[in-house]
Protein backbone atom coordinates (compact mmCIF):
# COMPACT_ATOMS: atom_id res chain seq x y z
CA MET A 1 -231.85 -27.83 -74.77
CA THR A 2 -231.89 -25.55 -71.77
CA ILE A 3 -228.56 -24.56 -70.26
CA PRO A 4 -228.85 -23.82 -66.50
CA SER A 5 -228.46 -20.09 -65.74
CA PRO A 6 -225.79 -19.01 -63.35
CA GLY A 7 -227.51 -17.93 -60.07
CA PRO A 8 -227.02 -14.78 -58.25
CA ASN A 9 -225.40 -16.59 -55.38
CA MET A 10 -222.86 -18.48 -57.38
CA GLU A 11 -219.41 -18.67 -55.95
CA VAL A 12 -216.46 -20.48 -57.48
CA ASP A 13 -212.63 -20.36 -57.26
CA ILE A 14 -211.96 -19.23 -60.81
CA VAL A 15 -214.15 -17.22 -63.17
CA CYS A 16 -213.01 -17.67 -66.76
CA VAL A 17 -214.28 -14.98 -69.19
CA GLY A 18 -214.58 -16.16 -72.81
CA SER A 19 -214.89 -19.60 -74.38
CA GLY A 20 -211.96 -19.89 -76.74
CA MET A 21 -208.48 -21.39 -76.28
CA GLY A 22 -207.56 -19.20 -73.31
CA ALA A 23 -210.69 -19.55 -71.16
CA SER A 24 -211.05 -23.28 -71.86
CA CYS A 25 -207.36 -24.06 -71.11
CA ALA A 26 -207.58 -21.99 -67.91
CA ALA A 27 -210.65 -23.74 -66.70
CA LEU A 28 -209.26 -27.21 -67.43
CA ALA A 29 -205.88 -26.33 -65.76
CA ALA A 30 -207.80 -24.90 -62.70
CA GLN A 31 -209.81 -28.04 -62.33
CA ALA A 32 -206.51 -30.11 -62.39
CA GLN A 33 -205.38 -27.96 -59.40
CA GLY A 34 -208.51 -28.92 -57.53
CA LEU A 35 -210.17 -25.57 -58.19
CA GLU A 36 -213.88 -25.10 -59.04
CA SER A 37 -214.26 -22.84 -62.15
CA VAL A 38 -216.99 -21.52 -64.38
CA ILE A 39 -216.81 -20.35 -68.04
CA LEU A 40 -218.82 -17.23 -69.04
CA GLU A 41 -219.38 -16.56 -72.75
CA LYS A 42 -221.35 -13.46 -74.01
CA SER A 43 -222.36 -15.05 -77.25
CA ASP A 44 -224.77 -17.88 -77.85
CA ARG A 45 -221.96 -20.29 -79.10
CA PHE A 46 -218.96 -21.97 -77.55
CA GLY A 47 -215.55 -21.40 -79.12
CA GLY A 48 -214.89 -17.75 -79.58
CA GLY A 49 -212.30 -16.58 -82.15
CA THR A 50 -210.40 -19.88 -81.75
CA ALA A 51 -213.09 -21.54 -83.93
CA TYR A 52 -212.22 -19.21 -86.88
CA SER A 53 -208.43 -19.68 -86.65
CA TYR A 54 -205.98 -22.10 -88.25
CA GLY A 55 -205.91 -23.88 -84.86
CA ILE A 56 -201.99 -23.86 -84.96
CA VAL A 57 -200.09 -24.02 -81.60
CA TRP A 58 -196.40 -23.11 -81.81
CA VAL A 59 -194.12 -24.73 -79.07
CA GLY A 60 -190.42 -24.96 -79.32
CA GLY A 61 -188.62 -27.98 -77.81
CA ASN A 62 -191.83 -29.95 -77.45
CA HIS A 63 -192.23 -33.60 -76.56
CA LEU A 64 -194.13 -34.53 -79.77
CA ALA A 65 -191.24 -33.36 -82.01
CA GLU A 66 -188.77 -35.02 -79.80
CA ALA A 67 -190.72 -38.34 -80.17
CA MET A 68 -190.17 -37.92 -83.92
CA GLY A 69 -186.45 -37.48 -83.63
CA ILE A 70 -186.59 -33.77 -84.39
CA GLN A 71 -183.93 -31.93 -82.46
CA ASP A 72 -184.80 -28.60 -81.01
CA SER A 73 -183.98 -26.66 -77.87
CA LYS A 74 -185.50 -23.90 -75.67
CA GLU A 75 -182.50 -21.82 -76.45
CA GLU A 76 -183.10 -21.86 -80.20
CA ALA A 77 -186.77 -21.29 -79.69
CA TYR A 78 -185.97 -18.24 -77.53
CA GLU A 79 -183.52 -16.95 -80.12
CA TYR A 80 -186.24 -17.24 -82.90
CA LEU A 81 -189.00 -15.45 -81.05
CA HIS A 82 -186.59 -12.89 -79.76
CA HIS A 83 -185.69 -12.05 -83.32
CA LEU A 84 -189.40 -11.77 -84.27
CA ALA A 85 -190.01 -9.40 -81.34
CA ALA A 86 -187.65 -6.82 -82.83
CA GLY A 87 -186.86 -5.30 -79.39
CA HIS A 88 -190.59 -5.09 -78.33
CA GLU A 89 -190.83 -8.25 -76.36
CA ILE A 90 -191.96 -8.55 -72.78
CA GLU A 91 -188.71 -10.30 -71.67
CA THR A 92 -190.08 -12.07 -68.54
CA ASN A 93 -193.17 -13.28 -70.39
CA LEU A 94 -191.17 -14.47 -73.38
CA ARG A 95 -188.96 -16.40 -71.10
CA ALA A 96 -191.86 -17.84 -69.32
CA TYR A 97 -193.50 -18.91 -72.57
CA ILE A 98 -190.34 -20.62 -73.83
CA ASP A 99 -189.79 -22.38 -70.43
CA LYS A 100 -193.41 -23.45 -69.70
CA SER A 101 -195.08 -24.01 -73.05
CA PRO A 102 -193.62 -27.49 -73.47
CA GLU A 103 -194.94 -28.23 -69.97
CA ALA A 104 -198.39 -26.83 -70.72
CA LEU A 105 -198.54 -28.72 -74.02
CA ARG A 106 -197.74 -32.00 -72.29
CA PHE A 107 -200.40 -31.42 -69.73
CA PHE A 108 -203.18 -30.73 -72.38
CA CYS A 109 -202.00 -33.77 -74.42
CA ASP A 110 -201.48 -36.32 -71.68
CA ASP A 111 -203.82 -35.25 -68.88
CA VAL A 112 -206.67 -33.59 -70.77
CA GLY A 113 -206.31 -35.68 -73.94
CA ILE A 114 -206.25 -32.93 -76.70
CA PRO A 115 -204.86 -34.87 -79.70
CA PHE A 116 -202.12 -32.42 -80.83
CA TYR A 117 -199.63 -33.71 -83.43
CA VAL A 118 -196.76 -32.14 -85.39
CA VAL A 119 -197.57 -30.82 -88.73
CA PRO A 120 -195.08 -32.56 -90.98
CA GLY A 121 -192.87 -30.33 -93.07
CA PHE A 122 -194.42 -27.24 -91.80
CA PRO A 123 -191.74 -24.57 -91.25
CA ASP A 124 -191.45 -21.61 -88.98
CA TYR A 125 -192.59 -18.38 -90.67
CA PHE A 126 -189.04 -17.10 -90.99
CA GLN A 127 -187.35 -20.49 -91.55
CA GLY A 128 -183.86 -19.86 -92.87
CA MET A 129 -184.11 -16.13 -92.34
CA ALA A 130 -184.03 -15.89 -88.60
CA ARG A 131 -181.76 -17.25 -85.93
CA GLY A 132 -183.13 -20.39 -84.23
CA SER A 133 -185.75 -21.07 -86.99
CA MET A 134 -186.80 -24.64 -87.80
CA SER A 135 -188.13 -26.29 -90.90
CA GLU A 136 -190.60 -28.41 -88.85
CA GLY A 137 -191.44 -29.56 -85.41
CA ARG A 138 -192.90 -26.55 -83.69
CA ASN A 139 -196.18 -26.07 -85.39
CA LEU A 140 -198.86 -28.39 -83.98
CA GLN A 141 -202.52 -29.00 -84.88
CA VAL A 142 -205.26 -31.37 -83.64
CA ARG A 143 -206.74 -34.47 -85.12
CA PRO A 144 -210.26 -34.01 -86.81
CA PHE A 145 -213.04 -33.68 -84.23
CA GLU A 146 -216.43 -35.38 -84.72
CA SER A 147 -218.61 -32.66 -83.36
CA LYS A 148 -221.74 -34.76 -83.25
CA SER A 149 -220.01 -36.60 -80.33
CA LEU A 150 -221.09 -33.70 -78.23
CA GLY A 151 -224.65 -35.10 -78.44
CA GLU A 152 -227.20 -32.51 -77.24
CA TRP A 153 -224.57 -29.93 -76.95
CA HIS A 154 -223.55 -30.11 -80.58
CA GLY A 155 -225.59 -27.08 -81.69
CA LEU A 156 -223.69 -24.89 -79.18
CA LEU A 157 -220.25 -25.27 -80.70
CA ARG A 158 -219.42 -22.39 -82.98
CA SER A 159 -218.87 -23.39 -86.65
CA ALA A 160 -216.35 -21.81 -89.00
CA PRO A 161 -217.32 -20.59 -92.41
CA ALA A 162 -214.23 -21.79 -94.39
CA VAL A 163 -214.02 -25.18 -96.16
CA THR A 164 -210.48 -25.63 -95.04
CA HIS A 165 -211.99 -26.35 -91.58
CA ARG A 166 -212.81 -29.84 -92.84
CA THR A 167 -209.17 -30.58 -93.71
CA THR A 168 -205.83 -30.75 -92.05
CA LEU A 169 -202.64 -28.87 -93.09
CA ASP A 170 -200.95 -32.02 -94.03
CA GLU A 171 -203.87 -33.21 -96.17
CA VAL A 172 -203.97 -29.86 -98.06
CA THR A 173 -200.24 -30.01 -98.68
CA SER A 174 -200.53 -33.54 -100.02
CA TRP A 175 -203.17 -32.34 -102.42
CA GLY A 176 -200.87 -29.62 -103.79
CA GLY A 177 -201.62 -26.81 -101.38
CA ARG A 178 -204.52 -24.25 -100.90
CA ALA A 179 -203.89 -23.03 -104.43
CA GLN A 180 -204.99 -26.33 -105.81
CA PRO A 181 -208.61 -26.72 -104.57
CA GLN A 182 -209.60 -28.73 -107.79
CA ASN A 183 -207.14 -31.48 -106.53
CA TRP A 184 -208.56 -31.70 -103.04
CA ASP A 185 -210.35 -34.84 -102.01
CA ARG A 186 -213.89 -33.55 -102.39
CA ALA A 187 -215.44 -36.88 -101.37
CA LEU A 188 -213.57 -36.68 -98.00
CA ILE A 189 -214.57 -33.16 -97.57
CA ARG A 190 -218.35 -33.90 -98.38
CA GLU A 191 -218.25 -36.79 -95.90
CA ARG A 192 -216.77 -34.64 -93.20
CA THR A 193 -219.22 -31.90 -93.91
CA GLN A 194 -222.21 -34.28 -93.70
CA ASN A 195 -220.94 -35.77 -90.54
CA ASP A 196 -219.86 -32.33 -89.17
CA ILE A 197 -216.18 -33.42 -88.60
CA ARG A 198 -214.12 -30.25 -87.96
CA THR A 199 -210.45 -29.46 -88.24
CA PHE A 200 -208.27 -26.41 -87.81
CA GLY A 201 -209.51 -24.01 -85.12
CA ALA A 202 -212.99 -25.34 -85.39
CA GLY A 203 -211.72 -28.91 -84.54
CA LEU A 204 -209.54 -27.43 -81.66
CA SER A 205 -212.61 -25.66 -80.23
CA GLY A 206 -214.51 -29.03 -80.44
CA HIS A 207 -211.82 -30.91 -78.53
CA LEU A 208 -211.74 -28.20 -75.84
CA MET A 209 -215.47 -28.17 -75.47
CA SER A 210 -215.56 -31.95 -75.26
CA ALA A 211 -212.95 -31.82 -72.51
CA VAL A 212 -214.83 -29.19 -70.59
CA LEU A 213 -218.05 -31.18 -70.77
CA SER A 214 -216.49 -34.44 -69.78
CA ARG A 215 -215.06 -32.80 -66.76
CA GLU A 216 -218.37 -31.26 -65.86
CA ILE A 217 -217.00 -27.74 -65.88
CA PRO A 218 -219.97 -25.39 -66.12
CA PHE A 219 -220.13 -22.92 -68.86
CA HIS A 220 -222.87 -20.28 -69.46
CA LEU A 221 -223.58 -18.71 -72.83
CA GLU A 222 -225.26 -15.37 -73.41
CA THR A 223 -223.78 -14.19 -70.08
CA PRO A 224 -221.70 -11.04 -70.78
CA VAL A 225 -219.52 -9.69 -67.98
CA GLN A 226 -220.19 -6.09 -67.23
CA SER A 227 -217.59 -5.24 -64.63
CA LEU A 228 -215.08 -6.63 -62.12
CA SER A 229 -215.99 -6.55 -58.35
CA ILE A 230 -213.34 -5.51 -55.82
CA GLU A 231 -213.09 -6.62 -52.21
CA ALA A 232 -210.24 -5.67 -49.88
CA GLY A 233 -208.19 -4.52 -52.72
CA ARG A 234 -208.41 -7.61 -54.96
CA VAL A 235 -210.66 -8.74 -57.78
CA ALA A 236 -213.17 -10.91 -56.14
CA GLY A 237 -215.74 -11.73 -58.87
CA VAL A 238 -217.71 -10.25 -61.82
CA THR A 239 -221.01 -8.67 -62.44
CA VAL A 240 -222.84 -10.31 -65.25
CA LEU A 241 -225.95 -9.56 -67.31
CA ARG A 242 -228.34 -12.52 -67.83
CA ASP A 243 -231.86 -12.19 -69.14
CA GLY A 244 -231.78 -8.47 -68.51
CA ILE A 245 -230.74 -8.82 -64.90
CA GLU A 246 -227.45 -7.90 -63.37
CA PHE A 247 -225.95 -9.92 -60.52
CA ASN A 248 -222.60 -10.86 -59.05
CA ILE A 249 -220.63 -14.06 -59.32
CA LYS A 250 -217.90 -14.51 -56.71
CA ALA A 251 -214.36 -15.75 -57.47
CA ARG A 252 -212.44 -16.94 -54.48
CA LYS A 253 -209.12 -17.26 -56.26
CA GLY A 254 -209.37 -15.04 -59.31
CA VAL A 255 -210.85 -13.98 -62.64
CA ILE A 256 -209.11 -14.94 -65.97
CA LEU A 257 -209.89 -12.68 -68.89
CA ALA A 258 -209.64 -14.42 -72.30
CA THR A 259 -212.16 -12.53 -74.51
CA GLY A 260 -209.84 -12.21 -77.49
CA PRO A 261 -208.75 -8.85 -79.05
CA ASN A 262 -210.70 -5.60 -79.19
CA ILE A 263 -211.01 -5.50 -83.04
CA ARG A 264 -214.78 -5.76 -83.06
CA ASN A 265 -215.14 -2.73 -80.78
CA GLU A 266 -215.27 0.20 -83.17
CA SER A 267 -214.49 2.82 -80.47
CA LEU A 268 -211.42 0.92 -79.21
CA THR A 269 -210.24 0.05 -82.66
CA LYS A 270 -210.28 3.61 -83.81
CA ARG A 271 -208.52 4.69 -80.63
CA PHE A 272 -205.70 2.09 -80.87
CA SER A 273 -205.39 1.36 -84.59
CA GLU A 274 -203.49 3.56 -87.05
CA LEU A 275 -205.59 2.56 -89.93
CA HIS A 276 -208.97 2.76 -88.20
CA ALA A 277 -210.23 -0.48 -89.88
CA THR A 278 -213.13 -2.08 -88.06
CA GLU A 279 -214.20 -5.26 -90.00
CA SER A 280 -212.70 -8.59 -89.17
CA LEU A 281 -212.93 -12.28 -89.98
CA LEU A 282 -213.76 -12.95 -86.22
CA PRO A 283 -217.15 -13.23 -84.63
CA HIS A 284 -218.88 -10.03 -83.62
CA SER A 285 -218.70 -11.08 -79.92
CA VAL A 286 -214.95 -10.50 -79.96
CA ASP A 287 -215.11 -6.90 -79.15
CA GLY A 288 -212.63 -5.97 -76.39
CA ASP A 289 -214.74 -6.44 -73.22
CA ALA A 290 -211.60 -7.24 -71.25
CA ILE A 291 -209.88 -3.94 -72.22
CA THR A 292 -213.03 -2.02 -70.96
CA ILE A 293 -213.67 -3.78 -67.65
CA ALA A 294 -209.93 -4.20 -66.67
CA GLY A 295 -209.26 -0.53 -67.69
CA GLU A 296 -212.02 0.60 -65.31
CA ILE A 297 -209.83 -0.60 -62.36
CA GLY A 298 -206.57 0.88 -63.55
CA ALA A 299 -205.20 -1.98 -65.67
CA ALA A 300 -202.27 -0.96 -68.05
CA VAL A 301 -202.87 -1.32 -71.77
CA SER A 302 -199.98 -1.87 -74.17
CA SER A 303 -200.24 -0.78 -77.73
CA LYS A 304 -197.56 -1.88 -80.24
CA PRO A 305 -197.35 -1.99 -84.01
CA ALA A 306 -198.78 -5.10 -85.61
CA PHE A 307 -197.58 -5.64 -89.09
CA GLN A 308 -199.64 -8.93 -89.78
CA GLN A 309 -202.41 -7.38 -91.74
CA ASP A 310 -205.34 -9.08 -93.40
CA LEU A 311 -207.08 -7.66 -96.51
CA LEU A 312 -210.70 -8.54 -96.85
CA TYR A 313 -213.50 -8.82 -99.38
CA THR A 314 -217.03 -9.95 -99.51
CA ILE A 315 -219.16 -11.85 -101.95
CA PRO A 316 -222.56 -10.38 -102.36
CA GLY A 317 -225.24 -12.54 -100.67
CA GLU A 318 -222.87 -14.44 -98.39
CA ASP A 319 -223.43 -14.18 -94.66
CA HIS A 320 -222.44 -16.01 -91.42
CA TYR A 321 -224.50 -15.90 -88.27
CA GLY A 322 -226.56 -13.07 -89.76
CA THR A 323 -223.70 -10.69 -90.76
CA PRO A 324 -221.77 -10.23 -94.00
CA LEU A 325 -219.17 -13.05 -94.41
CA TYR A 326 -215.74 -11.46 -94.81
CA ARG A 327 -212.90 -13.48 -96.48
CA GLY A 328 -209.26 -12.71 -96.19
CA VAL A 329 -206.68 -12.88 -99.02
CA THR A 330 -203.59 -12.48 -96.87
CA ASN A 331 -201.41 -15.66 -96.51
CA ASN A 332 -203.94 -17.07 -98.80
CA GLU A 333 -205.31 -16.02 -102.20
CA SER A 334 -202.99 -13.02 -102.67
CA GLY A 335 -200.06 -15.50 -102.56
CA PHE A 336 -201.35 -17.66 -105.32
CA PRO A 337 -199.63 -17.39 -108.76
CA HIS A 338 -201.10 -15.16 -111.47
CA SER A 339 -202.00 -12.43 -109.09
CA ILE A 340 -200.70 -9.18 -107.62
CA LEU A 341 -201.61 -6.50 -105.14
CA VAL A 342 -201.40 -2.90 -106.45
CA ASN A 343 -202.13 0.66 -105.11
CA LEU A 344 -203.79 3.55 -106.91
CA ASP A 345 -200.67 4.18 -108.88
CA GLY A 346 -201.00 0.64 -110.31
CA LYS A 347 -197.74 -0.30 -108.56
CA ARG A 348 -196.95 -3.42 -106.50
CA PHE A 349 -195.76 -2.54 -102.92
CA ALA A 350 -194.84 -5.86 -101.29
CA ASP A 351 -194.41 -9.58 -101.46
CA GLU A 352 -198.00 -10.46 -101.69
CA SER A 353 -197.51 -13.91 -100.11
CA VAL A 354 -196.21 -12.52 -96.76
CA GLY A 355 -198.76 -10.89 -94.62
CA GLN A 356 -196.22 -9.01 -92.50
CA GLN A 357 -194.58 -7.41 -95.49
CA VAL A 358 -197.99 -6.37 -96.81
CA GLY A 359 -199.05 -4.96 -93.46
CA ALA A 360 -195.79 -3.09 -92.93
CA THR A 361 -196.11 -1.29 -96.36
CA LEU A 362 -199.78 -0.54 -95.96
CA ARG A 363 -198.58 1.91 -93.26
CA ASN A 364 -196.30 3.85 -95.75
CA PHE A 365 -197.38 7.54 -95.63
CA ASP A 366 -196.62 10.01 -98.40
CA VAL A 367 -196.03 13.35 -96.63
CA ARG A 368 -196.31 15.42 -99.93
CA GLN A 369 -199.66 13.97 -100.92
CA HIS A 370 -200.58 13.44 -97.26
CA ARG A 371 -202.13 10.07 -97.71
CA TYR A 372 -201.34 6.49 -97.20
CA THR A 373 -199.48 5.30 -100.28
CA ASN A 374 -200.93 1.87 -100.58
CA VAL A 375 -204.47 2.33 -99.19
CA PRO A 376 -206.75 1.64 -100.92
CA CYS A 377 -205.40 -1.46 -102.68
CA PHE A 378 -206.64 -4.03 -105.13
CA MET A 379 -205.97 -7.61 -105.96
CA VAL A 380 -205.47 -7.96 -109.76
CA PHE A 381 -205.48 -11.45 -111.49
CA ASP A 382 -206.26 -12.98 -114.85
CA GLN A 383 -208.37 -15.85 -116.23
CA THR A 384 -205.67 -18.35 -115.62
CA TYR A 385 -205.99 -17.59 -111.93
CA LEU A 386 -209.73 -17.94 -111.95
CA ASP A 387 -209.54 -21.20 -113.93
CA LYS A 388 -206.91 -22.70 -111.56
CA TYR A 389 -207.84 -21.44 -108.12
CA GLY A 390 -211.31 -19.76 -108.18
CA LEU A 391 -211.98 -17.01 -105.59
CA GLY A 392 -213.72 -17.78 -102.29
CA SER A 393 -216.80 -19.63 -103.15
CA ILE A 394 -216.28 -19.24 -106.87
CA GLN A 395 -215.05 -22.58 -108.03
CA PRO A 396 -212.18 -23.11 -110.56
CA ARG A 397 -213.40 -22.77 -114.10
CA GLN A 398 -216.76 -21.46 -112.88
CA LYS A 399 -218.19 -18.56 -114.90
CA ALA A 400 -217.06 -15.22 -113.42
CA PRO A 401 -220.10 -13.66 -111.59
CA ASP A 402 -221.34 -10.24 -112.59
CA TRP A 403 -220.10 -8.48 -109.48
CA LEU A 404 -216.46 -9.36 -110.20
CA ILE A 405 -214.89 -6.46 -111.91
CA GLN A 406 -213.34 -7.52 -115.25
CA ASN A 407 -212.07 -6.15 -118.62
CA GLN A 408 -210.39 -7.58 -121.68
CA THR A 409 -207.43 -5.26 -121.39
CA ILE A 410 -205.24 -4.16 -118.51
CA LYS A 411 -205.79 -0.49 -119.32
CA GLY A 412 -209.52 -1.00 -119.42
CA LEU A 413 -209.41 -2.72 -115.99
CA ALA A 414 -207.35 0.06 -114.57
CA GLN A 415 -209.90 2.67 -115.71
CA VAL A 416 -212.79 0.77 -114.08
CA LEU A 417 -210.77 0.39 -110.80
CA GLY A 418 -209.69 3.93 -110.80
CA VAL A 419 -206.04 2.86 -110.96
CA ASN A 420 -203.32 4.56 -113.06
CA ARG A 421 -203.48 2.89 -116.53
CA GLU A 422 -199.82 3.29 -117.49
CA GLY A 423 -198.64 2.27 -113.99
CA LEU A 424 -200.70 -0.93 -113.96
CA THR A 425 -199.63 -1.85 -117.45
CA LYS A 426 -195.95 -1.45 -116.67
CA THR A 427 -196.28 -3.23 -113.44
CA ILE A 428 -197.80 -6.33 -115.01
CA GLN A 429 -195.26 -6.36 -117.76
CA ARG A 430 -192.43 -6.29 -115.26
CA PHE A 431 -194.08 -8.90 -113.00
CA ASN A 432 -194.56 -11.26 -116.03
CA ARG A 433 -190.79 -11.06 -116.74
CA PHE A 434 -190.13 -12.13 -113.13
CA ALA A 435 -192.72 -14.98 -113.46
CA ALA A 436 -191.00 -16.26 -116.55
CA THR A 437 -187.65 -16.68 -114.57
CA GLY A 438 -189.25 -17.73 -111.42
CA LYS A 439 -187.52 -14.94 -109.42
CA ASP A 440 -189.21 -11.68 -108.14
CA LEU A 441 -186.38 -9.08 -108.27
CA ASP A 442 -188.56 -6.48 -106.58
CA PHE A 443 -189.91 -8.11 -103.44
CA GLY A 444 -188.59 -11.77 -103.38
CA ARG A 445 -192.04 -13.31 -103.74
CA GLY A 446 -191.91 -17.04 -103.19
CA GLU A 447 -188.68 -17.02 -101.14
CA PHE A 448 -190.38 -17.72 -97.72
CA PRO A 449 -190.73 -21.44 -97.24
CA PHE A 450 -193.75 -20.72 -95.12
CA ALA A 451 -195.50 -18.81 -97.87
CA ASN A 452 -194.78 -21.72 -100.29
CA SER A 453 -196.45 -24.16 -97.80
CA VAL A 454 -199.42 -21.87 -96.89
CA SER A 455 -200.28 -20.01 -100.09
CA GLY A 456 -198.14 -21.49 -102.86
CA ASP A 457 -199.25 -23.81 -105.67
CA LEU A 458 -197.05 -26.74 -104.72
CA THR A 459 -197.46 -28.30 -108.25
CA ARG A 460 -195.83 -25.22 -109.79
CA GLU A 461 -192.07 -24.98 -110.42
CA PRO A 462 -189.60 -23.28 -109.82
CA ASN A 463 -191.69 -20.81 -107.73
CA PRO A 464 -194.95 -21.87 -106.11
CA ASN A 465 -196.04 -18.24 -105.50
CA LEU A 466 -195.25 -16.79 -108.94
CA GLY A 467 -197.13 -16.94 -112.24
CA PRO A 468 -197.78 -14.37 -115.07
CA LEU A 469 -200.91 -12.41 -115.75
CA ASN A 470 -201.26 -12.87 -119.47
CA LYS A 471 -204.70 -14.33 -120.15
CA PRO A 472 -207.60 -12.01 -120.58
CA PRO A 473 -210.02 -11.10 -119.25
CA TYR A 474 -208.36 -9.39 -116.31
CA TYR A 475 -210.01 -9.04 -112.93
CA GLY A 476 -209.82 -6.54 -110.18
CA LEU A 477 -210.93 -7.03 -106.50
CA PRO A 478 -211.09 -3.87 -104.23
CA LEU A 479 -209.87 -4.89 -100.78
CA GLU A 480 -210.80 -3.65 -97.46
CA LEU A 481 -208.40 -3.45 -94.49
CA ALA A 482 -209.14 -5.77 -91.56
CA ALA A 483 -209.02 -4.53 -88.08
CA THR A 484 -205.74 -5.37 -86.34
CA ASN A 485 -205.09 -6.29 -82.66
CA LEU A 486 -202.71 -3.58 -81.56
CA SER A 487 -203.56 -3.40 -77.90
CA GLY A 488 -203.63 -5.81 -75.00
CA LEU A 489 -203.53 -5.86 -71.22
CA MET A 490 -200.06 -5.79 -69.67
CA THR A 491 -199.45 -8.95 -67.74
CA ASN A 492 -196.47 -10.61 -66.08
CA GLU A 493 -194.95 -14.04 -66.33
CA SER A 494 -197.84 -15.58 -64.26
CA ALA A 495 -200.48 -13.89 -66.45
CA GLN A 496 -201.33 -11.46 -63.65
CA VAL A 497 -202.78 -8.14 -65.10
CA ILE A 498 -200.48 -5.16 -64.39
CA HIS A 499 -201.85 -1.96 -62.92
CA LEU A 500 -200.94 1.45 -64.40
CA ARG A 501 -198.75 2.01 -61.45
CA GLY A 502 -196.71 -1.14 -62.20
CA HIS A 503 -197.88 -3.60 -59.59
CA ALA A 504 -199.96 -6.77 -60.23
CA ILE A 505 -203.64 -6.51 -59.67
CA PRO A 506 -204.46 -9.16 -57.05
CA GLY A 507 -206.98 -11.72 -58.37
CA LEU A 508 -206.91 -10.63 -62.07
CA TYR A 509 -205.33 -12.44 -64.96
CA ALA A 510 -205.43 -12.35 -68.68
CA CYS A 511 -204.12 -14.58 -71.54
CA GLY A 512 -204.26 -15.06 -75.30
CA SER A 513 -204.79 -11.98 -77.51
CA THR A 514 -206.55 -10.27 -74.61
CA SER A 515 -203.01 -9.74 -73.17
CA ALA A 516 -200.14 -7.77 -74.82
CA HIS A 517 -198.02 -9.68 -77.18
CA TYR A 518 -195.21 -11.42 -75.19
CA TYR A 519 -193.13 -11.76 -78.33
CA GLY A 520 -193.41 -8.13 -79.47
CA ILE A 521 -194.37 -6.89 -82.98
CA GLY A 522 -193.56 -10.07 -84.99
CA TYR A 523 -195.85 -12.75 -86.18
CA GLN A 524 -195.56 -16.47 -86.05
CA ALA A 525 -198.55 -18.69 -86.69
CA GLY A 526 -199.43 -20.50 -83.54
CA CYS A 527 -198.00 -18.07 -80.95
CA GLU A 528 -201.36 -16.56 -80.26
CA LEU A 529 -203.05 -19.85 -79.43
CA GLY A 530 -199.82 -21.12 -77.81
CA GLY A 531 -199.86 -18.07 -75.61
CA ALA A 532 -203.42 -18.65 -74.72
CA MET A 533 -202.74 -22.25 -73.80
CA THR A 534 -199.63 -21.53 -71.78
CA PHE A 535 -200.64 -18.40 -69.90
CA GLY A 536 -204.06 -19.86 -69.22
CA TYR A 537 -202.30 -22.80 -67.64
CA LEU A 538 -199.96 -20.57 -65.73
CA ALA A 539 -202.80 -18.27 -64.53
CA ALA A 540 -204.72 -21.18 -63.05
CA ARG A 541 -201.56 -22.54 -61.32
CA HIS A 542 -200.66 -19.19 -59.92
CA ALA A 543 -204.22 -18.69 -58.67
CA ALA A 544 -204.05 -22.08 -56.96
CA GLY A 545 -200.82 -21.21 -55.37
CA ALA A 546 -198.87 -23.89 -57.38
């Protein structure tokens, strides 16, 4: 199928750069305001990083929870996100998100038809530990999407590599959690795979693409934006590259940047990231174009600590879209029972089931030795773990592959890994005592309800995240740090990009993880996509003069 190329004389009201949550929502909201828009995506697939995400949208005080009889308020939602921000929030933007995200959600549910629903029993990340937290009602996902319904456009929707993108969160919970893959409904997953029915972020991307197509909003793939054009002191369009030719597309009302974070751009990542990691779970097209093209015209960039840190590994021979397939253990496999994370001293350093605690302690620096204390690190587990949960594409009870480091003794494993032998032995002995009582006295593993839901074995009592390592052979998995999104364009409450001198740049907007975190240095599943939805909506309305 041939997609029409954008012409050198194209002129629209709004140019949306990217094709994930932010760009799609901005284009849909712009059309509802009577504006003509176009979506420009640099890769050859629609969906961006959204397709690889969990597809969760977090909205406090939303109408879907209210219809279920769940009581919430904007005040409590603000209190919760303000706690997460830890003093690093952009106050006006945080207020705008709390005030306007329920309105944006209702628009995309009722007017656009995106089938969001409340994930039952899914708590806030810091439920019971932070003011204003809730046990359910704020985390939303979409119904499964039949991607073949796109017809001839089907092949242009970006696919996600994880099997969980064929299930919903409530289904996984009903089957015992992500730590119980052997109990999942494999017949249902096979049926959905055969029919290409997608869930999580892949399903969300499908619903958005379907909405864009049904409203005849044009989008152009393989059309990277090279720069912004300025006329009379305002952003008036973009210069794009298509088939080796550069030309300008005019934007009468504005340009909305929603290209995702800069983590695939090695130069930007090394400049902004403390740990200099460059690999990611995201597509290679997510490489910080917005930071570059907006920075060229004086846009301010904010860089803040980001403690949500993924740890990655690869399985030899696995690839995705022609590049090695990275898998993440954070908020996933490292929270399963019968496993721990250790440093070179053989010591645990965090609650392995909580990504933010892991991320914070990975930044611990030993001044005397002049090195990061917990980098590199390893996931260590036993045969019980492999029998129950598998690892990545290794199925439970499947024979361990040759590439997986193993040894019949803990000291032998430590020697192969290059980890302190006595340190690892003592660590596992101590951890096993905690597992016997169900209480981790060092780091409180299993005390986060969110971690129980997301990475716990819900069939295990009293602690879904705790189990001993006592069945040889023992296994060690060297982990690689994932690149983290520390930087973003400064924006105001209307998603306008802010200049280095403090004023809004006329005609330029940004949303999603392209923009600086409105809720500071914390992490809550759904706030990135929720921000992309809300500020994409607000950008379109501001550009329209609404």
